[in-house]
Amino acid sequence: MMKLTIDSMCLISSIVDKVQIDDKFIQEMINLGKTAKGKNKAEVENLQKQIGMKIILKIGSKIHLAKTELIDFISSYKSISKEDAEKEDMIGFIKEIMGDENFISFFKSTAMSK
C-alpha cells in the first residue's frame, strides 16, 4: 500500500490537473455508473466498458502533458527507478492503484471536501 507523502500528493495533483479530470467529468462517470442499477449482468458489463473507454479516452488525450509527473509518481509509488517506471505496464499499474485503499481514500476525501 502506498504512503501518501507531500511529494506524491503534489504529483497526483499535477497529473489530475494536466489530464483535466475535473468535477464535471467525475460526476458524469458517477451518473453513468448509477444507470447500472436494475440492469442485467451483460448490460452492467457493457456499461462498465463504456465508462472504462471514456476514462481511457479522457486520460489518453492529455497524458502526454503529465509524462514526467507520471513517471515520477510510478517510481515513488513502486519504489523503483525512473527507468523502470517508464517501462511499467500502465493497465496493471492502474488496476494496482485502484485496489490501494490509501489512494482511493485520498480521492474520496478530496471529493467529499468539495
Protein backbone atom coordinates (compact mmCIF):
# COMPACT_ATOMS: atom_id res chain seq x y z
CA MET A 1 0.00 0.00 0.00
CA MET A 2 1.09 3.49 -0.84
CA LYS A 3 2.12 6.04 1.74
CA LEU A 4 0.84 9.42 0.61
CA THR A 5 3.63 11.92 1.02
CA ILE A 6 3.58 15.60 0.14
CA ASP A 7 5.59 14.81 -3.00
CA SER A 8 3.23 12.03 -4.13
CA MET A 9 0.13 14.17 -3.45
CA CYS A 10 1.64 17.01 -5.47
CA LEU A 11 2.41 14.62 -8.32
CA ILE A 12 -1.17 13.29 -8.23
CA SER A 13 -2.48 16.85 -8.23
CA SER A 14 -0.33 17.83 -11.19
CA ILE A 15 -1.34 14.74 -13.18
CA VAL A 16 -5.06 15.29 -12.48
CA ASP A 17 -4.73 18.96 -13.41
CA LYS A 18 -2.88 18.33 -16.65
CA VAL A 19 -5.19 15.48 -17.68
CA GLN A 20 -8.14 17.72 -16.78
CA ILE A 21 -10.03 15.30 -14.56
CA ASP A 22 -12.47 17.73 -13.03
CA ASP A 23 -15.69 17.61 -11.01
CA LYS A 24 -17.80 17.65 -14.17
CA PHE A 25 -16.05 14.59 -15.60
CA ILE A 26 -16.21 12.72 -12.30
CA GLN A 27 -19.91 13.50 -11.92
CA GLU A 28 -20.53 12.31 -15.49
CA MET A 29 -18.88 8.96 -14.64
CA ILE A 30 -20.86 8.68 -11.39
CA ASN A 31 -24.13 9.41 -13.20
CA LEU A 32 -23.29 6.87 -15.88
CA GLY A 33 -22.50 4.32 -13.17
CA LYS A 34 -25.84 4.96 -11.47
CA THR A 35 -27.65 3.90 -14.63
CA ALA A 36 -26.43 0.33 -13.97
CA LYS A 37 -28.91 -0.10 -11.14
CA GLY A 38 -31.51 -2.70 -12.03
CA LYS A 39 -29.78 -3.79 -15.23
CA ASN A 40 -28.80 -7.36 -16.03
CA LYS A 41 -25.20 -8.61 -15.86
CA ALA A 42 -24.50 -8.15 -19.60
CA GLU A 43 -25.85 -4.59 -19.55
CA VAL A 44 -23.76 -3.75 -16.45
CA GLU A 45 -20.63 -5.17 -18.10
CA ASN A 46 -21.33 -3.13 -21.23
CA LEU A 47 -21.78 -0.01 -19.11
CA GLN A 48 -18.50 -0.73 -17.29
CA LYS A 49 -16.74 -0.99 -20.65
CA GLN A 50 -18.26 2.35 -21.74
CA ILE A 51 -17.09 4.02 -18.54
CA GLY A 52 -13.64 2.48 -18.92
CA MET A 53 -13.37 3.69 -22.51
CA LYS A 54 -14.44 7.22 -21.56
CA ILE A 55 -11.80 7.30 -18.83
CA ILE A 56 -9.13 5.93 -21.17
CA LEU A 57 -10.03 8.48 -23.86
CA LYS A 58 -10.04 11.33 -21.35
CA ILE A 59 -6.72 10.37 -19.85
CA GLY A 60 -5.21 9.24 -23.15
CA SER A 61 -5.84 12.55 -24.86
CA LYS A 62 -3.87 14.52 -22.27
CA ILE A 63 -1.49 12.08 -20.57
CA HIS A 64 1.46 13.25 -22.66
CA LEU A 65 1.27 16.55 -20.78
CA ALA A 66 1.94 14.75 -17.48
CA LYS A 67 4.55 12.22 -18.62
CA THR A 68 7.27 13.42 -16.26
CA GLU A 69 4.94 13.55 -13.26
CA LEU A 70 3.51 10.13 -14.08
CA ILE A 71 6.97 8.56 -14.29
CA ASP A 72 7.95 10.22 -11.01
CA PHE A 73 4.72 9.04 -9.36
CA ILE A 74 5.11 5.43 -10.52
CA SER A 75 8.75 5.45 -9.45
CA SER A 76 7.82 6.74 -6.00
CA TYR A 77 4.74 4.53 -5.60
CA LYS A 78 6.52 1.30 -6.53
CA SER A 79 9.95 2.29 -5.12
CA ILE A 80 11.60 1.63 -8.48
CA SER A 81 13.93 3.63 -10.68
CA LYS A 82 12.53 6.16 -13.14
CA GLU A 83 13.89 4.00 -15.96
CA ASP A 84 11.88 1.00 -14.69
CA ALA A 85 8.84 3.23 -14.14
CA GLU A 86 8.93 4.22 -17.81
CA LYS A 87 8.57 0.53 -18.74
CA GLU A 88 5.74 -0.20 -16.31
CA ASP A 89 2.58 -1.81 -17.70
CA MET A 90 0.02 1.00 -17.30
CA ILE A 91 -3.07 -1.24 -17.24
CA GLY A 92 -1.54 -3.31 -14.47
CA PHE A 93 -0.48 -0.19 -12.62
CA ILE A 94 -3.94 1.38 -12.85
CA LYS A 95 -5.51 -1.83 -11.51
CA GLU A 96 -2.96 -1.82 -8.69
CA ILE A 97 -3.64 1.75 -7.57
CA MET A 98 -7.40 1.28 -7.89
CA GLY A 99 -7.06 -1.51 -5.33
CA ASP A 100 -4.98 0.63 -2.98
CA GLU A 101 -7.14 1.77 -0.06
CA ASN A 102 -4.91 4.77 0.76
CA PHE A 103 -5.00 6.01 -2.83
CA ILE A 104 -8.79 5.60 -3.10
CA SER A 105 -9.33 7.17 0.35
CA PHE A 106 -7.31 10.19 -0.73
CA PHE A 107 -9.57 10.78 -3.73
CA LYS A 108 -12.76 10.09 -1.77
CA SER A 109 -11.80 12.55 0.96
CA THR A 110 -10.77 15.13 -1.63
CA ALA A 111 -14.09 14.74 -3.45
CA MET A 112 -16.10 14.91 -0.24
CA SER A 113 -14.39 18.11 0.86
CA LYS A 114 -15.59 19.96 -2.26
